[in-house]
Amino acid sequence: MNPEPLLVLTTCESEGDAQELADALVAARLAACVNTVDNVSSTYRWAGKVERGREFLLLIKTTDDRLDAIEERIRTLSAYELPEVLAVRIQTGSSDYLEWLNASVRE
């Protein structure tokens, strides 16, 4: 049985942090690919106040069996007190791409 493909989202406060995390995830075979979207404007509630900031959004392509390790790596490398880790199941996609994704994260 093949693991289920996932899209994991997280944010970083700097381009350097985003690149470090992306490199670490791909090098460790936890992610097949990580896209970095810069200049994301975020509005959120923190410590009882509405905050705004610029962030870098990471779109992490992986599988469900790698999620725990990805979350641990994000928590370790993130500068944030409470890093975002959201996982969305990929319902369908190019079969060739999904095969590549699965092969890329196998140990």
PDB file of N, CA and C in Angstrom:
ATOM      1  N   MET A   1       0.842  -1.187   0.000  1.00  0.00           N
ATOM      2  CA  MET A   1       0.000   0.000   0.000  1.00  0.00           C
ATOM      3  C   MET A   1       0.883   1.244   0.000  1.00  0.00           C
ATOM      4  N   ASN A   2       0.635   2.138  -0.939  1.00  0.00           N
ATOM      5  CA  ASN A   2       1.397   3.378  -1.024  1.00  0.00           C
ATOM      6  C   ASN A   2       0.930   4.375   0.015  1.00  0.00           C
ATOM      7  N   PRO A   3       1.856   5.123   0.569  1.00  0.00           N
ATOM      8  CA  PRO A   3       1.457   6.207   1.469  1.00  0.00           C
ATOM      9  C   PRO A   3       0.619   7.232   0.712  1.00  0.00           C
ATOM     10  N   GLU A   4      -0.210   7.952   1.429  1.00  0.00           N
ATOM     11  CA  GLU A   4      -1.057   8.979   0.831  1.00  0.00           C
ATOM     12  C   GLU A   4      -0.259  10.268   0.650  1.00  0.00           C
ATOM     13  N   PRO A   5      -0.380  10.915  -0.503  1.00  0.00           N
ATOM     14  CA  PRO A   5       0.335  12.173  -0.705  1.00  0.00           C
ATOM     15  C   PRO A   5      -0.309  13.307   0.090  1.00  0.00           C
ATOM     16  N   LEU A   6       0.548  14.200   0.582  1.00  0.00           N
ATOM     17  CA  LEU A   6       0.102  15.342   1.369  1.00  0.00           C
ATOM     18  C   LEU A   6       0.766  16.615   0.865  1.00  0.00           C
ATOM     19  N   LEU A   7       0.083  17.715   1.086  1.00  0.00           N
ATOM     20  CA  LEU A   7       0.655  19.048   0.928  1.00  0.00           C
ATOM     21  C   LEU A   7       0.699  19.650   2.329  1.00  0.00           C
ATOM     22  N   VAL A   8       1.887  19.929   2.815  1.00  0.00           N
ATOM     23  CA  VAL A   8       2.064  20.498   4.150  1.00  0.00           C
ATOM     24  C   VAL A   8       2.420  21.972   3.984  1.00  0.00           C
ATOM     25  N   LEU A   9       1.771  22.815   4.781  1.00  0.00           N
ATOM     26  CA  LEU A   9       2.024  24.252   4.730  1.00  0.00           C
ATOM     27  C   LEU A   9       2.647  24.708   6.040  1.00  0.00           C
ATOM     28  N   THR A  10       3.636  25.571   5.910  1.00  0.00           N
ATOM     29  CA  THR A  10       4.223  26.227   7.071  1.00  0.00           C
ATOM     30  C   THR A  10       4.737  27.588   6.621  1.00  0.00           C
ATOM     31  N   THR A  11       5.032  28.448   7.568  1.00  0.00           N
ATOM     32  CA  THR A  11       5.569  29.771   7.250  1.00  0.00           C
ATOM     33  C   THR A  11       6.882  29.988   7.997  1.00  0.00           C
ATOM     34  N   CYS A  12       7.703  30.859   7.429  1.00  0.00           N
ATOM     35  CA  CYS A  12       8.970  31.252   8.037  1.00  0.00           C
ATOM     36  C   CYS A  12       9.047  32.768   8.024  1.00  0.00           C
ATOM     37  N   GLU A  13       9.815  33.322   8.969  1.00  0.00           N
ATOM     38  CA  GLU A  13       9.898  34.777   9.054  1.00  0.00           C
ATOM     39  C   GLU A  13      10.958  35.377   8.152  1.00  0.00           C
ATOM     40  N   SER A  14      11.868  34.549   7.602  1.00  0.00           N
ATOM     41  CA  SER A  14      12.897  35.095   6.721  1.00  0.00           C
ATOM     42  C   SER A  14      13.164  34.144   5.564  1.00  0.00           C
ATOM     43  N   GLU A  15      13.718  34.691   4.497  1.00  0.00           N
ATOM     44  CA  GLU A  15      14.067  33.873   3.339  1.00  0.00           C
ATOM     45  C   GLU A  15      15.131  32.845   3.708  1.00  0.00           C
ATOM     46  N   GLY A  16      16.082  33.237   4.524  1.00  0.00           N
ATOM     47  CA  GLY A  16      17.124  32.310   4.965  1.00  0.00           C
ATOM     48  C   GLY A  16      16.554  31.132   5.731  1.00  0.00           C
ATOM     49  N   ASP A  17      15.623  31.415   6.649  1.00  0.00           N
ATOM     50  CA  ASP A  17      14.975  30.337   7.411  1.00  0.00           C
ATOM     51  C   ASP A  17      14.192  29.415   6.486  1.00  0.00           C
ATOM     52  N   ALA A  18      13.500  30.000   5.516  1.00  0.00           N
ATOM     53  CA  ALA A  18      12.704  29.201   4.578  1.00  0.00           C
ATOM     54  C   ALA A  18      13.604  28.284   3.753  1.00  0.00           C
ATOM     55  N   GLN A  19      14.723  28.812   3.262  1.00  0.00           N
ATOM     56  CA  GLN A  19      15.625  28.008   2.443  1.00  0.00           C
ATOM     57  C   GLN A  19      16.287  26.910   3.265  1.00  0.00           C
ATOM     58  N   GLU A  20      16.664  27.235   4.498  1.00  0.00           N
ATOM     59  CA  GLU A  20      17.274  26.231   5.382  1.00  0.00           C
ATOM     60  C   GLU A  20      16.305  25.073   5.632  1.00  0.00           C
ATOM     61  N   LEU A  21      15.056  25.400   5.913  1.00  0.00           N
ATOM     62  CA  LEU A  21      14.064  24.365   6.172  1.00  0.00           C
ATOM     63  C   LEU A  21      13.789  23.545   4.913  1.00  0.00           C
ATOM     64  N   ALA A  22      13.619  24.212   3.775  1.00  0.00           N
ATOM     65  CA  ALA A  22      13.368  23.499   2.517  1.00  0.00           C
ATOM     66  C   ALA A  22      14.517  22.552   2.206  1.00  0.00           C
ATOM     67  N   ASP A  23      15.747  23.035   2.312  1.00  0.00           N
ATOM     68  CA  ASP A  23      16.918  22.191   2.036  1.00  0.00           C
ATOM     69  C   ASP A  23      16.959  20.990   2.973  1.00  0.00           C
ATOM     70  N   ALA A  24      16.697  21.221   4.262  1.00  0.00           N
ATOM     71  CA  ALA A  24      16.747  20.135   5.248  1.00  0.00           C
ATOM     72  C   ALA A  24      15.695  19.066   4.956  1.00  0.00           C
ATOM     73  N   LEU A  25      14.494  19.478   4.595  1.00  0.00           N
ATOM     74  CA  LEU A  25      13.418  18.520   4.337  1.00  0.00           C
ATOM     75  C   LEU A  25      13.696  17.677   3.094  1.00  0.00           C
ATOM     76  N   VAL A  26      14.170  18.313   2.035  1.00  0.00           N
ATOM     77  CA  VAL A  26      14.449  17.566   0.802  1.00  0.00           C
ATOM     78  C   VAL A  26      15.687  16.683   0.981  1.00  0.00           C
ATOM     79  N   ALA A  27      16.728  17.204   1.606  1.00  0.00           N
ATOM     80  CA  ALA A  27      17.951  16.416   1.814  1.00  0.00           C
ATOM     81  C   ALA A  27      17.691  15.164   2.639  1.00  0.00           C
ATOM     82  N   ALA A  28      16.797  15.261   3.615  1.00  0.00           N
ATOM     83  CA  ALA A  28      16.474  14.123   4.481  1.00  0.00           C
ATOM     84  C   ALA A  28      15.418  13.201   3.879  1.00  0.00           C
ATOM     85  N   ARG A  29      14.984  13.481   2.650  1.00  0.00           N
ATOM     86  CA  ARG A  29      13.950  12.698   1.962  1.00  0.00           C
ATOM     87  C   ARG A  29      12.616  12.737   2.700  1.00  0.00           C
ATOM     88  N   LEU A  30      12.383  13.813   3.449  1.00  0.00           N
ATOM     89  CA  LEU A  30      11.090  14.000   4.098  1.00  0.00           C
ATOM     90  C   LEU A  30      10.103  14.669   3.149  1.00  0.00           C
ATOM     91  N   ALA A  31      10.622  15.371   2.164  1.00  0.00           N
ATOM     92  CA  ALA A  31       9.799  16.047   1.161  1.00  0.00           C
ATOM     93  C   ALA A  31      10.396  15.786  -0.216  1.00  0.00           C
ATOM     94  N   ALA A  32       9.518  15.642  -1.194  1.00  0.00           N
ATOM     95  CA  ALA A  32       9.971  15.498  -2.577  1.00  0.00           C
ATOM     96  C   ALA A  32      10.322  16.859  -3.158  1.00  0.00           C
ATOM     97  N   CYS A  33       9.568  17.873  -2.758  1.00  0.00           N
ATOM     98  CA  CYS A  33       9.727  19.221  -3.305  1.00  0.00           C
ATOM     99  C   CYS A  33       9.156  20.206  -2.293  1.00  0.00           C
ATOM    100  N   VAL A  34       9.797  21.359  -2.216  1.00  0.00           N
ATOM    101  CA  VAL A  34       9.286  22.443  -1.376  1.00  0.00           C
ATOM    102  C   VAL A  34       9.296  23.716  -2.216  1.00  0.00           C
ATOM    103  N   ASN A  35       8.129  24.318  -2.372  1.00  0.00           N
ATOM    104  CA  ASN A  35       8.025  25.617  -3.046  1.00  0.00           C
ATOM    105  C   ASN A  35       7.987  26.698  -1.980  1.00  0.00           C
ATOM    106  N   THR A  36       8.712  27.780  -2.240  1.00  0.00           N
ATOM    107  CA  THR A  36       8.720  28.919  -1.333  1.00  0.00           C
ATOM    108  C   THR A  36       8.018  30.090  -2.009  1.00  0.00           C
ATOM    109  N   VAL A  37       6.996  30.604  -1.349  1.00  0.00           N
ATOM    110  CA  VAL A  37       6.251  31.763  -1.839  1.00  0.00           C
ATOM    111  C   VAL A  37       6.633  32.928  -0.932  1.00  0.00           C
ATOM    112  N   ASP A  38       7.272  33.953  -1.523  1.00  0.00           N
ATOM    113  CA  ASP A  38       7.710  35.057  -0.682  1.00  0.00           C
ATOM    114  C   ASP A  38       6.690  36.191  -0.667  1.00  0.00           C
ATOM    115  N   ASN A  39       6.921  37.090   0.281  1.00  0.00           N
ATOM    116  CA  ASN A  39       6.090  38.282   0.424  1.00  0.00           C
ATOM    117  C   ASN A  39       4.620  37.970   0.699  1.00  0.00           C
ATOM    118  N   VAL A  40       4.384  36.993   1.551  1.00  0.00           N
ATOM    119  CA  VAL A  40       3.030  36.656   1.976  1.00  0.00           C
ATOM    120  C   VAL A  40       2.657  37.577   3.138  1.00  0.00           C
ATOM    121  N   SER A  41       1.517  38.189   3.035  1.00  0.00           N
ATOM    122  CA  SER A  41       1.024  39.055   4.096  1.00  0.00           C
ATOM    123  C   SER A  41       0.121  38.243   5.011  1.00  0.00           C
ATOM    124  N   SER A  42       0.452  38.204   6.294  1.00  0.00           N
ATOM    125  CA  SER A  42      -0.328  37.427   7.258  1.00  0.00           C
ATOM    126  C   SER A  42      -0.938  38.341   8.313  1.00  0.00           C
ATOM    127  N   THR A  43      -2.188  38.077   8.635  1.00  0.00           N
ATOM    128  CA  THR A  43      -2.881  38.757   9.727  1.00  0.00           C
ATOM    129  C   THR A  43      -3.348  37.672  10.682  1.00  0.00           C
ATOM    130  N   TYR A  44      -3.034  37.811  11.963  1.00  0.00           N
ATOM    131  CA  TYR A  44      -3.314  36.745  12.921  1.00  0.00           C
ATOM    132  C   TYR A  44      -3.458  37.330  14.326  1.00  0.00           C
ATOM    133  N   ARG A  45      -4.057  36.535  15.200  1.00  0.00           N
ATOM    134  CA  ARG A  45      -4.184  36.941  16.596  1.00  0.00           C
ATOM    135  C   ARG A  45      -3.087  36.240  17.387  1.00  0.00           C
ATOM    136  N   TRP A  46      -2.331  37.027  18.154  1.00  0.00           N
ATOM    137  CA  TRP A  46      -1.279  36.453  18.988  1.00  0.00           C
ATOM    138  C   TRP A  46      -1.187  37.258  20.270  1.00  0.00           C
ATOM    139  N   ALA A  47      -1.186  36.573  21.393  1.00  0.00           N
ATOM    140  CA  ALA A  47      -1.070  37.203  22.715  1.00  0.00           C
ATOM    141  C   ALA A  47      -2.147  38.281  22.910  1.00  0.00           C
ATOM    142  N   GLY A  48      -3.359  37.992  22.410  1.00  0.00           N
ATOM    143  CA  GLY A  48      -4.486  38.878  22.612  1.00  0.00           C
ATOM    144  C   GLY A  48      -4.548  40.080  21.692  1.00  0.00           C
ATOM    145  N   LYS A  49      -3.636  40.161  20.731  1.00  0.00           N
ATOM    146  CA  LYS A  49      -3.619  41.298  19.814  1.00  0.00           C
ATOM    147  C   LYS A  49      -3.666  40.810  18.368  1.00  0.00           C
ATOM    148  N   VAL A  50      -4.224  41.652  17.497  1.00  0.00           N
ATOM    149  CA  VAL A  50      -4.187  41.374  16.065  1.00  0.00           C
ATOM    150  C   VAL A  50      -2.843  41.860  15.536  1.00  0.00           C
ATOM    151  N   GLU A  51      -2.124  40.969  14.896  1.00  0.00           N
ATOM    152  CA  GLU A  51      -0.790  41.265  14.368  1.00  0.00           C
ATOM    153  C   GLU A  51      -0.796  41.142  12.852  1.00  0.00           C
ATOM    154  N   ARG A  52       0.151  41.792  12.224  1.00  0.00           N
ATOM    155  CA  ARG A  52       0.369  41.665  10.776  1.00  0.00           C
ATOM    156  C   ARG A  52       1.858  41.500  10.541  1.00  0.00           C
ATOM    157  N   GLY A  53       2.178  40.711   9.513  1.00  0.00           N
ATOM    158  CA  GLY A  53       3.595  40.549   9.195  1.00  0.00           C
ATOM    159  C   GLY A  53       3.786  39.960   7.808  1.00  0.00           C
ATOM    160  N   ARG A  54       5.011  40.061   7.323  1.00  0.00           N
ATOM    161  CA  ARG A  54       5.408  39.466   6.050  1.00  0.00           C
ATOM    162  C   ARG A  54       6.099  38.146   6.363  1.00  0.00           C
ATOM    163  N   GLU A  55       5.740  37.123   5.603  1.00  0.00           N
ATOM    164  CA  GLU A  55       6.295  35.798   5.831  1.00  0.00           C
ATOM    165  C   GLU A  55       6.627  35.131   4.499  1.00  0.00           C
ATOM    166  N   PHE A  56       7.253  33.979   4.613  1.00  0.00           N
ATOM    167  CA  PHE A  56       7.542  33.110   3.485  1.00  0.00           C
ATOM    168  C   PHE A  56       6.750  31.829   3.701  1.00  0.00           C
ATOM    169  N   LEU A  57       5.892  31.499   2.742  1.00  0.00           N
ATOM    170  CA  LEU A  57       5.042  30.321   2.824  1.00  0.00           C
ATOM    171  C   LEU A  57       5.729  29.159   2.125  1.00  0.00           C
ATOM    172  N   LEU A  58       5.842  28.029   2.817  1.00  0.00           N
ATOM    173  CA  LEU A  58       6.404  26.823   2.224  1.00  0.00           C
ATOM    174  C   LEU A  58       5.287  25.848   1.894  1.00  0.00           C
ATOM    175  N   LEU A  59       5.299  25.351   0.655  1.00  0.00           N
ATOM    176  CA  LEU A  59       4.375  24.315   0.190  1.00  0.00           C
ATOM    177  C   LEU A  59       5.201  23.045   0.064  1.00  0.00           C
ATOM    178  N   ILE A  60       4.991  22.122   0.972  1.00  0.00           N
ATOM    179  CA  ILE A  60       5.833  20.933   1.108  1.00  0.00           C
ATOM    180  C   ILE A  60       5.079  19.722   0.570  1.00  0.00           C
ATOM    181  N   LYS A  61       5.621  19.096  -0.479  1.00  0.00           N
ATOM    182  CA  LYS A  61       5.000  17.892  -1.048  1.00  0.00           C
ATOM    183  C   LYS A  61       5.642  16.668  -0.429  1.00  0.00           C
ATOM    184  N   THR A  62       4.807  15.831   0.188  1.00  0.00           N
ATOM    185  CA  THR A  62       5.306  14.688   0.939  1.00  0.00           C
ATOM    186  C   THR A  62       4.237  13.608   1.008  1.00  0.00           C
ATOM    187  N   THR A  63       4.409  12.664   1.932  1.00  0.00           N
ATOM    188  CA  THR A  63       3.426  11.602   2.153  1.00  0.00           C
ATOM    189  C   THR A  63       3.073  11.539   3.640  1.00  0.00           C
ATOM    190  N   ASP A  64       1.933  10.928   3.916  1.00  0.00           N
ATOM    191  CA  ASP A  64       1.435  10.910   5.298  1.00  0.00           C
ATOM    192  C   ASP A  64       2.373  10.204   6.274  1.00  0.00           C
ATOM    193  N   ASP A  65       3.156   9.247   5.793  1.00  0.00           N
ATOM    194  CA  ASP A  65       4.056   8.542   6.699  1.00  0.00           C
ATOM    195  C   ASP A  65       5.288   9.376   7.074  1.00  0.00           C
ATOM    196  N   ARG A  66       5.474  10.532   6.454  1.00  0.00           N
ATOM    197  CA  ARG A  66       6.597  11.413   6.759  1.00  0.00           C
ATOM    198  C   ARG A  66       6.170  12.627   7.598  1.00  0.00           C
ATOM    199  N   LEU A  67       4.871  12.748   7.850  1.00  0.00           N
ATOM    200  CA  LEU A  67       4.343  13.949   8.505  1.00  0.00           C
ATOM    201  C   LEU A  67       4.920  14.173   9.899  1.00  0.00           C
ATOM    202  N   ASP A  68       4.992  13.161  10.725  1.00  0.00           N
ATOM    203  CA  ASP A  68       5.511  13.350  12.087  1.00  0.00           C
ATOM    204  C   ASP A  68       6.950  13.857  12.065  1.00  0.00           C
ATOM    205  N   ALA A  69       7.776  13.290  11.183  1.00  0.00           N
ATOM    206  CA  ALA A  69       9.175  13.718  11.088  1.00  0.00           C
ATOM    207  C   ALA A  69       9.271  15.149  10.557  1.00  0.00           C
ATOM    208  N   ILE A  70       8.389  15.500   9.619  1.00  0.00           N
ATOM    209  CA  ILE A  70       8.378  16.875   9.104  1.00  0.00           C
ATOM    210  C   ILE A  70       7.994  17.849  10.204  1.00  0.00           C
ATOM    211  N   GLU A  71       6.967  17.516  10.956  1.00  0.00           N
ATOM    212  CA  GLU A  71       6.547  18.407  12.050  1.00  0.00           C
ATOM    213  C   GLU A  71       7.675  18.582  13.063  1.00  0.00           C
ATOM    214  N   GLU A  72       8.358  17.518  13.387  1.00  0.00           N
ATOM    215  CA  GLU A  72       9.480  17.599  14.331  1.00  0.00           C
ATOM    216  C   GLU A  72      10.591  18.498  13.771  1.00  0.00           C
ATOM    217  N   ARG A  73      10.900  18.351  12.482  1.00  0.00           N
ATOM    218  CA  ARG A  73      11.952  19.171  11.868  1.00  0.00           C
ATOM    219  C   ARG A  73      11.538  20.646  11.832  1.00  0.00           C
ATOM    220  N   ILE A  74      10.276  20.907  11.523  1.00  0.00           N
ATOM    221  CA  ILE A  74       9.791  22.292  11.521  1.00  0.00           C
ATOM    222  C   ILE A  74       9.911  22.890  12.919  1.00  0.00           C
ATOM    223  N   ARG A  75       9.489  22.148  13.933  1.00  0.00           N
ATOM    224  CA  ARG A  75       9.558  22.656  15.309  1.00  0.00           C
ATOM    225  C   ARG A  75      11.014  22.927  15.718  1.00  0.00           C
ATOM    226  N   THR A  76      11.923  22.076  15.269  1.00  0.00           N
ATOM    227  CA  THR A  76      13.337  22.233  15.603  1.00  0.00           C
ATOM    228  C   THR A  76      13.952  23.453  14.924  1.00  0.00           C
ATOM    229  N   LEU A  77      13.626  23.676  13.653  1.00  0.00           N
ATOM    230  CA  LEU A  77      14.279  24.732  12.877  1.00  0.00           C
ATOM    231  C   LEU A  77      13.545  26.072  12.889  1.00  0.00           C
ATOM    232  N   SER A  78      12.287  26.089  13.263  1.00  0.00           N
ATOM    233  CA  SER A  78      11.501  27.318  13.191  1.00  0.00           C
ATOM    234  C   SER A  78      11.926  28.332  14.248  1.00  0.00           C
ATOM    235  N   ALA A  79      11.914  29.592  13.858  1.00  0.00           N
ATOM    236  CA  ALA A  79      12.161  30.680  14.804  1.00  0.00           C
ATOM    237  C   ALA A  79      10.892  31.033  15.589  1.00  0.00           C
ATOM    238  N   TYR A  80       9.746  30.505  15.145  1.00  0.00           N
ATOM    239  CA  TYR A  80       8.478  30.820  15.777  1.00  0.00           C
ATOM    240  C   TYR A  80       8.256  29.995  17.047  1.00  0.00           C
ATOM    241  N   GLU A  81       7.612  30.621  18.020  1.00  0.00           N
ATOM    242  CA  GLU A  81       7.239  29.927  19.252  1.00  0.00           C
ATOM    243  C   GLU A  81       6.228  28.818  18.958  1.00  0.00           C
ATOM    244  N   LEU A  82       5.302  29.092  18.058  1.00  0.00           N
ATOM    245  CA  LEU A  82       4.276  28.129  17.669  1.00  0.00           C
ATOM    246  C   LEU A  82       4.227  28.062  16.133  1.00  0.00           C
ATOM    247  N   PRO A  83       5.063  27.227  15.534  1.00  0.00           N
ATOM    248  CA  PRO A  83       5.083  27.165  14.070  1.00  0.00           C
ATOM    249  C   PRO A  83       3.829  26.515  13.500  1.00  0.00           C
ATOM    250  N   GLU A  84       3.432  27.031  12.360  1.00  0.00           N
ATOM    251  CA  GLU A  84       2.285  26.476  11.623  1.00  0.00           C
ATOM    252  C   GLU A  84       2.687  25.157  10.969  1.00  0.00           C
ATOM    253  N   VAL A  85       1.861  24.144  11.161  1.00  0.00           N
ATOM    254  CA  VAL A  85       2.021  22.874  10.449  1.00  0.00           C
ATOM    255  C   VAL A  85       0.621  22.400  10.085  1.00  0.00           C
ATOM    256  N   LEU A  86       0.248  22.579   8.822  1.00  0.00           N
ATOM    257  CA  LEU A  86      -1.056  22.158   8.328  1.00  0.00           C
ATOM    258  C   LEU A  86      -0.838  21.157   7.203  1.00  0.00           C
ATOM    259  N   ALA A  87      -1.570  20.072   7.226  1.00  0.00           N
ATOM    260  CA  ALA A  87      -1.439  19.049   6.188  1.00  0.00           C
ATOM    261  C   ALA A  87      -2.772  18.876   5.477  1.00  0.00           C
ATOM    262  N   VAL A  88      -2.706  18.876   4.147  1.00  0.00           N
ATOM    263  CA  VAL A  88      -3.892  18.726   3.308  1.00  0.00           C
ATOM    264  C   VAL A  88      -3.681  17.486   2.437  1.00  0.00           C
ATOM    265  N   ARG A  89      -4.637  16.593   2.460  1.00  0.00           N
ATOM    266  CA  ARG A  89      -4.536  15.403   1.611  1.00  0.00           C
ATOM    267  C   ARG A  89      -4.682  15.794   0.148  1.00  0.00           C
ATOM    268  N   ILE A  90      -3.843  15.222  -0.680  1.00  0.00           N
ATOM    269  CA  ILE A  90      -3.936  15.416  -2.122  1.00  0.00           C
ATOM    270  C   ILE A  90      -4.881  14.352  -2.648  1.00  0.00           C
ATOM    271  N   GLN A  91      -6.050  14.755  -3.080  1.00  0.00           N
ATOM    272  CA  GLN A  91      -7.081  13.817  -3.522  1.00  0.00           C
ATOM    273  C   GLN A  91      -6.755  13.175  -4.860  1.00  0.00           C
ATOM    274  N   THR A  92      -6.186  13.954  -5.759  1.00  0.00           N
ATOM    275  CA  THR A  92      -5.858  13.442  -7.082  1.00  0.00           C
ATOM    276  C   THR A  92      -4.772  14.302  -7.681  1.00  0.00           C
ATOM    277  N   GLY A  93      -4.160  13.794  -8.716  1.00  0.00           N
ATOM    278  CA  GLY A  93      -3.101  14.527  -9.393  1.00  0.00           C
ATOM    279  C   GLY A  93      -2.517  13.662 -10.483  1.00  0.00           C
ATOM    280  N   SER A  94      -1.559  14.191 -11.176  1.00  0.00           N
ATOM    281  CA  SER A  94      -0.877  13.446 -12.228  1.00  0.00           C
ATOM    282  C   SER A  94      -0.271  12.175 -11.640  1.00  0.00           C
ATOM    283  N   SER A  95      -0.613  11.033 -12.204  1.00  0.00           N
ATOM    284  CA  SER A  95      -0.104   9.768 -11.657  1.00  0.00           C
ATOM    285  C   SER A  95       1.420   9.713 -11.732  1.00  0.00           C
ATOM    286  N   ASP A  96       2.007  10.239 -12.814  1.00  0.00           N
ATOM    287  CA  ASP A  96       3.470  10.252 -12.922  1.00  0.00           C
ATOM    288  C   ASP A  96       4.093  11.111 -11.825  1.00  0.00           C
ATOM    289  N   TYR A  97       3.503  12.270 -11.561  1.00  0.00           N
ATOM    290  CA  TYR A  97       4.025  13.153 -10.522  1.00  0.00           C
ATOM    291  C   TYR A  97       3.899  12.498  -9.151  1.00  0.00           C
ATOM    292  N   LEU A  98       2.757  11.896  -8.871  1.00  0.00           N
ATOM    293  CA  LEU A  98       2.548  11.270  -7.563  1.00  0.00           C
ATOM    294  C   LEU A  98       3.473  10.071  -7.365  1.00  0.00           C
ATOM    295  N   GLU A  99       3.766   9.337  -8.419  1.00  0.00           N
ATOM    296  CA  GLU A  99       4.745   8.242  -8.328  1.00  0.00           C
ATOM    297  C   GLU A  99       6.127   8.801  -8.004  1.00  0.00           C
ATOM    298  N   TRP A 100       6.501   9.900  -8.671  1.00  0.00           N
ATOM    299  CA  TRP A 100       7.782  10.541  -8.394  1.00  0.00           C
ATOM    300  C   TRP A 100       7.830  11.019  -6.940  1.00  0.00           C
ATOM    301  N   LEU A 101       6.741  11.629  -6.474  1.00  0.00           N
ATOM    302  CA  LEU A 101       6.681  12.107  -5.093  1.00  0.00           C
ATOM    303  C   LEU A 101       6.942  10.955  -4.127  1.00  0.00           C
ATOM    304  N   ASN A 102       6.227   9.843  -4.300  1.00  0.00           N
ATOM    305  CA  ASN A 102       6.412   8.687  -3.414  1.00  0.00           C
ATOM    306  C   ASN A 102       7.836   8.165  -3.468  1.00  0.00           C
ATOM    307  N   ALA A 103       8.396   8.049  -4.660  1.00  0.00           N
ATOM    308  CA  ALA A 103       9.764   7.543  -4.801  1.00  0.00           C
ATOM    309  C   ALA A 103      10.773   8.487  -4.150  1.00  0.00           C
ATOM    310  N   SER A 104      10.520   9.767  -4.192  1.00  0.00           N
ATOM    311  CA  SER A 104      11.468  10.760  -3.678  1.00  0.00           C
ATOM    312  C   SER A 104      11.572  10.794  -2.165  1.00  0.00           C
ATOM    313  N   VAL A 105      10.553  10.317  -1.479  1.00  0.00           N
ATOM    314  CA  VAL A 105      10.581  10.349  -0.016  1.00  0.00           C
ATOM    315  C   VAL A 105      10.835   8.976   0.608  1.00  0.00           C
ATOM    316  N   ARG A 106      11.014   7.970  -0.245  1.00  0.00           N
ATOM    317  CA  ARG A 106      11.357   6.634   0.305  1.00  0.00           C
ATOM    318  C   ARG A 106      12.768   6.655   0.829  1.00  0.00           C
ATOM    319  N   GLU A 107      12.962   5.927   1.920  1.00  0.00           N
ATOM    320  CA  GLU A 107      14.305   5.843   2.506  1.00  0.00           C
ATOM    321  C   GLU A 107      15.157   4.841   1.768  1.00  0.00           C
TER     322      GLU A 107
END
